[in-house]
Amino acid sequence: MASAPLLDVSTVLDLPAPLPLDSGQSLPGVRISYEAYGRLNAARDNAIFICHALTGDQHVVTDHPRTGKPGWWVRMVGPGKPIDTDRYYVICANVIGSCMGSTGPASLAMDGCPWAMRFPVITIRDMVRGHVALLDALGIEQLHAVVGGSMGGMQALSLAANFPERTRAALVIASTARHSAQNIAFHEVGRQAIMADPEWREGEYYAYGKGPEKGLSVARMAAHITYLSEAGLTDKFGRRLQNRAEKTFGFDADFQIESYLRHQGISFTDRFDANSYLYITRAMDYFDLAEEHGGLLANAFARSKARWCLVSFDTDWLYPTAESRLIAHALNAAGLPVSFVELSAPYGHDSFLLDVPALDKVVGGFLG
């Protein structure tokens, strides 16, 4: 019988020095919350770092402490699974700026009050600097691989490009090397929904016991649409009515899809901080790997010696296959070994989180 994944008991790291940021500022008193599964071998070279998406967290395998739901990638990580905890030491850290234990806007600043909007604007590369600091503390000089989907893929790209000596392989799933105008537009709608909520109070809502829940809920609804596909929505909901035989000729949730989105929005407010949503979406919008390296994407990979795997999905219109192809072309131009595959799945962008057996084969084959 396969052994259960082992949870590392040391799940919080306080950085000994301020973390330098792309903005030119430094973030003091940084705490990084992480989980790790499996065992680090004697050579300390069997570690895989998993980077989470925008609203994800470090709870890859364990139940979420607020919702009680299973870990977000429990189907992918564990004994005998594609990311095999009997073989690898698997780490996932909550990104800085988030709200699941790592330092973010809701954390206390040095004066004992929440950072709120005093928190410095961060970038994907800043998040990765936090990951590297964690690896340093764990004594891991080089990863077997860095893996990530969506925003996690941006972090994987950034780590492998900006810290090329730290990983031997990079697996980037349903992601992009830069945020498009359309991506930025959707994020701006969400941010404006939050900031237009009277309960946002210019970000200083922590002392009031109530935040901008309505605005955050709308932001989540708008974003959630981008994670799905039209075919998936039609198949799952179509134009079917919600618990009624006829339209109400009002503005209640007449359609199943309306009820579904409202549920997604409301449930999201129970587990996520609105200010964190502002900061993380801004970090994603700023992400442009080519811009960081003189305007040419191939330059980003000039020092890399890693092997690469890129995965896209045919129904993902948030980060379509063309985005992965651009990265593959840049890796080819840099002379690096790269595998690229577009998988067929009906779920849209969220396919990397759902039951797509072909993805299991790709992940297990590449990491093995």
Protein backbone atom coordinates (compact mmCIF):
# COMPACT_ATOMS: atom_id res chain seq x y z
CA MET A 1 0.00 0.00 0.00
CA ALA A 2 1.34 3.44 -0.92
CA SER A 3 2.35 5.65 1.96
CA ALA A 4 0.44 8.82 2.77
CA PRO A 5 2.03 12.11 1.80
CA LEU A 6 4.02 13.53 4.70
CA LEU A 7 3.21 17.08 5.71
CA ASP A 8 6.26 19.09 6.74
CA VAL A 9 5.56 20.46 10.21
CA SER A 10 7.65 23.60 9.58
CA THR A 11 5.07 25.46 7.54
CA VAL A 12 5.98 29.07 8.35
CA LEU A 13 9.19 30.91 7.53
CA ASP A 14 10.05 34.39 8.77
CA LEU A 15 12.63 35.92 6.46
CA PRO A 16 15.65 37.28 8.36
CA ALA A 17 16.00 40.35 6.12
CA PRO A 18 13.65 42.63 4.17
CA LEU A 19 12.67 41.35 0.73
CA PRO A 20 13.80 43.62 -2.14
CA LEU A 21 11.02 44.47 -4.61
CA ASP A 22 10.91 45.53 -8.25
CA SER A 23 9.39 48.85 -7.20
CA GLY A 24 12.64 49.78 -5.47
CA GLN A 25 11.10 49.33 -2.04
CA SER A 26 11.85 46.56 0.45
CA LEU A 27 9.25 44.59 2.37
CA PRO A 28 10.23 44.05 6.03
CA GLY A 29 9.06 41.30 8.34
CA VAL A 30 8.08 38.91 5.57
CA ARG A 31 6.44 35.65 6.58
CA ILE A 32 6.03 32.85 4.05
CA SER A 33 3.52 30.10 4.72
CA TYR A 34 4.11 26.84 2.92
CA GLU A 35 3.37 23.14 2.88
CA ALA A 36 5.66 20.30 1.84
CA TYR A 37 4.98 16.64 1.16
CA GLY A 38 7.26 13.62 0.84
CA ARG A 39 10.89 13.45 1.92
CA LEU A 40 13.91 15.44 0.85
CA ASN A 41 16.64 12.99 -0.14
CA ALA A 42 20.23 13.07 1.10
CA ALA A 43 21.45 14.88 -2.01
CA ARG A 44 18.64 17.46 -1.59
CA ASP A 45 17.94 17.30 -5.31
CA ASN A 46 14.47 15.70 -5.49
CA ALA A 47 12.41 18.82 -4.70
CA ILE A 48 9.54 20.01 -6.90
CA PHE A 49 8.18 23.49 -6.31
CA ILE A 50 4.51 23.98 -7.21
CA CYS A 51 3.37 27.57 -7.81
CA HIS A 52 -0.31 28.33 -7.22
CA ALA A 53 -2.75 30.43 -9.24
CA LEU A 54 -4.38 33.79 -8.43
CA THR A 55 -6.88 32.61 -5.82
CA GLY A 56 -4.98 29.45 -4.89
CA ASP A 57 -2.84 28.78 -1.86
CA GLN A 58 -0.36 26.37 -0.34
CA HIS A 59 -3.01 23.73 0.42
CA VAL A 60 -2.23 21.51 -2.55
CA VAL A 61 -3.14 18.23 -0.85
CA THR A 62 -4.51 19.10 2.59
CA ASP A 63 -8.08 20.26 3.21
CA HIS A 64 -8.54 24.01 3.07
CA PRO A 65 -8.69 25.33 6.67
CA ARG A 66 -11.53 27.78 5.95
CA THR A 67 -13.72 25.89 3.50
CA GLY A 68 -12.93 22.30 4.44
CA LYS A 69 -12.64 21.42 0.74
CA PRO A 70 -9.91 19.03 -0.47
CA GLY A 71 -6.60 20.45 -1.62
CA TRP A 72 -6.76 22.16 -5.01
CA TRP A 73 -4.48 19.64 -6.79
CA VAL A 74 -5.09 16.50 -4.77
CA ARG A 75 -5.77 14.61 -8.00
CA MET A 76 -2.28 15.44 -9.26
CA VAL A 77 -0.09 15.28 -6.14
CA GLY A 78 0.37 12.30 -3.86
CA PRO A 79 1.77 8.77 -3.62
CA GLY A 80 1.84 7.15 -7.04
CA LYS A 81 0.25 10.21 -8.69
CA PRO A 82 1.82 12.21 -11.54
CA ILE A 83 3.66 14.37 -9.00
CA ASP A 84 4.65 11.44 -6.83
CA THR A 85 5.30 12.22 -3.16
CA ASP A 86 6.94 8.79 -2.77
CA ARG A 87 9.68 10.05 -5.10
CA TYR A 88 9.72 13.82 -4.72
CA TYR A 89 9.75 16.41 -1.98
CA VAL A 90 6.90 18.66 -3.09
CA ILE A 91 6.70 22.26 -1.85
CA CYS A 92 4.05 24.93 -2.35
CA ALA A 93 4.23 28.39 -0.78
CA ASN A 94 1.48 30.97 -0.46
CA VAL A 95 2.65 33.97 -2.50
CA ILE A 96 3.44 37.25 -0.79
CA GLY A 97 0.50 39.61 -1.18
CA SER A 98 -1.97 36.81 -0.55
CA CYS A 99 -4.05 36.07 2.51
CA MET A 100 -3.37 32.47 3.55
CA GLY A 101 -0.49 33.00 5.92
CA SER A 102 2.12 34.77 3.84
CA THR A 103 2.63 38.50 4.31
CA GLY A 104 -0.01 40.53 2.48
CA PRO A 105 -2.23 43.61 2.88
CA ALA A 106 -4.15 42.03 5.77
CA SER A 107 -0.94 41.28 7.68
CA LEU A 108 0.29 43.54 10.46
CA ALA A 109 2.96 46.04 9.48
CA MET A 110 5.79 47.03 11.80
CA ASP A 111 3.49 49.51 13.60
CA GLY A 112 1.07 46.72 14.58
CA CYS A 113 -1.68 47.84 12.18
CA PRO A 114 -2.71 46.05 8.98
CA TRP A 115 -0.71 47.04 5.94
CA ALA A 116 -3.90 47.64 3.92
CA MET A 117 -3.09 49.95 1.00
CA ARG A 118 0.29 50.84 2.49
CA PHE A 119 1.43 47.43 1.27
CA PRO A 120 3.85 47.98 -1.64
CA VAL A 121 2.79 47.01 -5.13
CA ILE A 122 4.42 43.70 -5.97
CA THR A 123 5.26 41.75 -9.12
CA ILE A 124 5.42 38.10 -10.12
CA ARG A 125 9.21 38.34 -9.83
CA ASP A 126 8.80 39.61 -6.25
CA MET A 127 6.70 36.55 -5.45
CA VAL A 128 9.45 34.38 -6.89
CA ARG A 129 12.06 36.15 -4.76
CA GLY A 130 10.04 34.95 -1.78
CA HIS A 131 10.06 31.40 -3.15
CA VAL A 132 13.83 31.51 -3.61
CA ALA A 133 14.28 32.79 -0.06
CA LEU A 134 12.27 29.78 1.12
CA LEU A 135 14.44 27.40 -0.90
CA ASP A 136 17.53 29.00 0.62
CA ALA A 137 16.13 28.46 4.12
CA LEU A 138 15.37 24.81 3.29
CA GLY A 139 18.90 24.28 1.96
CA ILE A 140 17.70 23.42 -1.55
CA GLU A 141 20.13 24.80 -4.11
CA GLN A 142 18.48 23.31 -7.19
CA LEU A 143 14.98 21.98 -7.84
CA HIS A 144 14.18 18.87 -9.80
CA ALA A 145 11.44 21.01 -11.35
CA VAL A 146 9.24 24.05 -10.90
CA VAL A 147 5.59 23.53 -11.88
CA GLY A 148 2.68 25.92 -12.21
CA GLY A 149 -0.60 26.58 -13.95
CA SER A 150 -2.10 29.99 -14.81
CA MET A 151 -0.47 32.57 -12.51
CA GLY A 152 1.54 29.64 -11.19
CA GLY A 153 2.89 29.23 -14.70
CA MET A 154 4.01 32.87 -14.68
CA GLN A 155 5.93 32.18 -11.48
CA ALA A 156 7.48 29.04 -12.98
CA LEU A 157 8.58 31.05 -16.03
CA SER A 158 9.98 33.82 -13.83
CA LEU A 159 11.88 31.47 -11.54
CA ALA A 160 13.42 29.47 -14.38
CA ALA A 161 14.33 32.65 -16.33
CA ASN A 162 15.52 34.93 -13.51
CA PHE A 163 17.06 32.27 -11.28
CA PRO A 164 18.16 29.74 -13.92
CA GLU A 165 20.57 27.90 -11.62
CA ARG A 166 17.74 27.01 -9.25
CA THR A 167 15.87 24.44 -11.37
CA ARG A 168 16.64 21.66 -13.83
CA ALA A 169 13.17 21.65 -15.39
CA ALA A 170 10.12 23.87 -15.78
CA LEU A 171 6.54 22.79 -16.47
CA VAL A 172 4.25 25.65 -17.48
CA ILE A 173 0.53 24.89 -17.86
CA ALA A 174 -2.20 27.15 -19.30
CA SER A 175 -0.15 30.29 -18.88
CA THR A 176 1.47 33.21 -20.67
CA ALA A 177 4.69 35.23 -20.79
CA ARG A 178 2.77 38.48 -20.54
CA HIS A 179 -0.73 39.69 -19.74
CA SER A 180 -2.73 40.83 -22.75
CA ALA A 181 -4.89 43.95 -22.93
CA GLN A 182 -7.98 41.74 -22.60
CA ASN A 183 -6.61 40.09 -19.45
CA ILE A 184 -5.83 43.49 -17.94
CA ALA A 185 -9.32 44.71 -18.85
CA PHE A 186 -11.06 41.88 -17.00
CA HIS A 187 -8.89 42.46 -13.94
CA GLU A 188 -9.65 46.18 -13.98
CA VAL A 189 -13.39 45.45 -13.95
CA GLY A 190 -12.86 43.33 -10.86
CA ARG A 191 -10.72 45.91 -9.11
CA GLN A 192 -13.19 48.69 -9.83
CA ALA A 193 -16.03 46.55 -8.47
CA ILE A 194 -14.12 46.17 -5.20
CA MET A 195 -13.12 49.82 -4.90
CA ALA A 196 -16.64 51.02 -5.75
CA ASP A 197 -18.08 49.08 -2.81
CA PRO A 198 -18.64 51.57 0.06
CA GLU A 199 -17.38 48.94 2.49
CA TRP A 200 -13.92 49.05 0.89
CA ARG A 201 -13.20 52.30 2.77
CA GLU A 202 -10.04 53.03 0.73
CA GLY A 203 -8.73 49.63 1.83
CA GLU A 204 -9.04 50.39 5.56
CA TYR A 205 -11.89 47.97 6.26
CA TYR A 206 -10.17 45.57 8.65
CA ALA A 207 -11.16 47.40 11.84
CA TYR A 208 -14.85 47.43 10.84
CA GLY A 209 -15.39 43.66 10.81
CA LYS A 210 -16.86 43.85 7.32
CA GLY A 211 -15.14 44.26 3.99
CA PRO A 212 -16.28 44.97 0.42
CA GLU A 213 -17.99 41.59 0.06
CA LYS A 214 -20.36 42.68 -2.69
CA GLY A 215 -17.58 44.16 -4.78
CA LEU A 216 -15.32 41.17 -4.25
CA SER A 217 -18.17 38.84 -5.17
CA VAL A 218 -18.74 40.67 -8.46
CA ALA A 219 -15.00 40.59 -9.17
CA ARG A 220 -14.97 36.85 -8.66
CA MET A 221 -18.03 36.37 -10.89
CA ALA A 222 -16.44 38.29 -13.74
CA ALA A 223 -13.15 36.42 -13.39
CA HIS A 224 -14.81 33.03 -13.09
CA ILE A 225 -16.44 33.46 -16.49
CA THR A 226 -12.96 33.72 -18.04
CA TYR A 227 -11.93 30.40 -16.48
CA LEU A 228 -14.70 28.49 -18.29
CA SER A 229 -15.50 27.73 -21.92
CA GLU A 230 -18.64 28.54 -23.88
CA ALA A 231 -19.13 24.86 -24.72
CA GLY A 232 -18.74 23.92 -21.06
CA LEU A 233 -21.21 26.55 -19.92
CA THR A 234 -23.73 25.51 -22.56
CA ASP A 235 -23.40 21.86 -21.68
CA LYS A 236 -23.63 22.41 -17.93
CA PHE A 237 -26.23 25.18 -17.80
CA GLY A 238 -27.50 26.22 -21.22
CA ARG A 239 -30.51 28.47 -20.80
CA ARG A 240 -32.10 26.25 -18.16
CA LEU A 241 -34.06 27.99 -15.43
CA GLN A 242 -33.12 27.72 -11.76
CA ASN A 243 -35.74 25.89 -9.67
CA ARG A 244 -38.69 27.37 -11.56
CA ALA A 245 -40.87 26.57 -14.52
CA GLU A 246 -41.15 30.10 -15.91
CA LYS A 247 -39.24 33.38 -15.94
CA THR A 248 -40.08 35.73 -13.07
CA PHE A 249 -39.89 38.92 -15.17
CA GLY A 250 -37.67 40.34 -12.44
CA PHE A 251 -33.97 40.40 -11.53
CA ASP A 252 -33.70 37.31 -9.36
CA ALA A 253 -31.45 34.49 -10.55
CA ASP A 254 -33.84 33.08 -13.16
CA PHE A 255 -31.15 31.09 -14.98
CA GLN A 256 -28.97 28.33 -13.56
CA ILE A 257 -25.83 30.10 -14.73
CA GLU A 258 -26.84 33.23 -12.79
CA SER A 259 -27.35 31.21 -9.62
CA TYR A 260 -24.02 29.42 -10.15
CA LEU A 261 -22.08 32.66 -10.56
CA ARG A 262 -23.72 34.23 -7.53
CA HIS A 263 -22.78 31.20 -5.46
CA GLN A 264 -19.18 31.36 -6.71
CA GLY A 265 -18.99 35.04 -5.83
CA ILE A 266 -20.47 34.76 -2.35
CA SER A 267 -18.46 31.69 -1.34
CA PHE A 268 -15.25 33.39 -2.50
CA THR A 269 -15.66 36.21 0.02
CA ASP A 270 -15.45 33.68 2.85
CA ARG A 271 -11.89 32.72 1.99
CA PHE A 272 -10.17 35.63 0.25
CA ASP A 273 -9.16 39.15 1.15
CA ALA A 274 -10.30 41.93 -1.18
CA ASN A 275 -7.07 43.93 -0.93
CA SER A 276 -5.08 40.80 -1.76
CA TYR A 277 -7.19 40.47 -4.89
CA LEU A 278 -6.23 44.01 -5.88
CA TYR A 279 -2.53 43.44 -5.36
CA ILE A 280 -2.25 40.02 -6.98
CA THR A 281 -4.22 40.96 -10.08
CA ARG A 282 -2.00 44.04 -10.45
CA ALA A 283 1.08 41.82 -10.21
CA MET A 284 -0.30 39.63 -13.00
CA ASP A 285 -1.07 42.67 -15.16
CA TYR A 286 2.50 43.95 -14.77
CA PHE A 287 3.94 40.60 -15.83
CA ASP A 288 5.85 40.82 -19.11
CA LEU A 289 8.86 38.51 -19.21
CA ALA A 290 10.18 39.96 -22.48
CA GLU A 291 10.00 43.51 -21.12
CA GLU A 292 12.13 42.40 -18.17
CA HIS A 293 14.83 41.24 -20.60
CA GLY A 294 15.28 44.00 -23.14
CA GLY A 295 12.04 43.42 -25.03
CA LEU A 296 12.98 40.04 -26.53
CA LEU A 297 11.45 36.95 -24.94
CA ALA A 298 14.30 34.66 -26.03
CA ASN A 299 16.67 36.83 -23.97
CA ALA A 300 14.78 35.78 -20.83
CA PHE A 301 16.01 32.22 -21.33
CA ALA A 302 19.59 33.00 -22.34
CA ARG A 303 21.07 31.66 -19.08
CA SER A 304 18.69 28.73 -18.67
CA LYS A 305 19.94 25.16 -18.91
CA ALA A 306 16.60 23.65 -17.93
CA ARG A 307 14.41 21.36 -19.98
CA TRP A 308 10.93 22.73 -20.56
CA CYS A 309 7.39 21.51 -21.06
CA LEU A 310 4.49 23.76 -22.10
CA VAL A 311 0.85 22.67 -21.97
CA SER A 312 -2.20 24.50 -23.30
CA PHE A 313 -5.88 23.61 -23.70
CA ASP A 314 -7.94 24.02 -26.85
CA THR A 315 -10.87 25.65 -25.02
CA ASP A 316 -8.81 28.08 -22.94
CA TRP A 317 -9.55 31.58 -24.24
CA LEU A 318 -7.97 33.35 -21.25
CA TYR A 319 -4.47 32.07 -22.08
CA PRO A 320 -4.98 30.47 -25.49
CA THR A 321 -2.59 28.08 -27.18
CA ALA A 322 -1.00 30.93 -29.16
CA GLU A 323 0.48 32.25 -25.90
CA SER A 324 2.23 28.95 -25.19
CA ARG A 325 3.47 28.77 -28.78
CA LEU A 326 5.16 32.16 -28.36
CA ILE A 327 7.03 30.83 -25.34
CA ALA A 328 7.97 27.64 -27.19
CA HIS A 329 9.35 29.67 -30.11
CA ALA A 330 11.40 31.79 -27.71
CA LEU A 331 12.80 28.69 -26.01
CA ASN A 332 13.68 27.22 -29.40
CA ALA A 333 15.44 30.46 -30.30
CA ALA A 334 17.43 30.18 -27.08
CA GLY A 335 18.42 26.62 -28.06
CA LEU A 336 16.69 24.94 -25.14
CA PRO A 337 14.95 21.54 -25.10
CA VAL A 338 11.20 22.14 -25.03
CA SER A 339 8.14 19.93 -25.37
CA PHE A 340 4.82 21.54 -26.23
CA VAL A 341 1.34 20.02 -26.37
CA GLU A 342 -2.17 21.36 -26.77
CA LEU A 343 -4.66 19.13 -24.98
CA SER A 344 -8.35 18.83 -25.76
CA ALA A 345 -10.65 19.46 -22.79
CA PRO A 346 -14.13 21.02 -22.47
CA TYR A 347 -13.45 22.99 -19.30
CA GLY A 348 -11.65 26.09 -20.59
CA HIS A 349 -8.83 27.62 -18.56
CA ASP A 350 -9.74 25.63 -15.45
CA SER A 351 -8.85 22.40 -17.29
CA PHE A 352 -5.51 22.20 -15.47
CA LEU A 353 -7.39 21.79 -12.18
CA LEU A 354 -9.96 19.27 -13.42
CA ASP A 355 -10.10 15.68 -14.60
CA VAL A 356 -8.06 15.64 -17.79
CA PRO A 357 -6.28 12.25 -17.91
CA ALA A 358 -4.08 13.38 -20.80
CA LEU A 359 -2.61 16.06 -18.55
CA ASP A 360 -1.76 13.44 -15.93
CA LYS A 361 0.25 11.54 -18.55
CA VAL A 362 2.10 14.64 -19.69
CA VAL A 363 2.99 15.73 -16.16
CA GLY A 364 4.06 12.29 -15.00
CA GLY A 365 6.03 11.65 -18.18
CA PHE A 366 7.88 14.96 -18.09
CA LEU A 367 8.78 14.85 -14.40
CA GLY A 368 9.73 11.18 -14.51
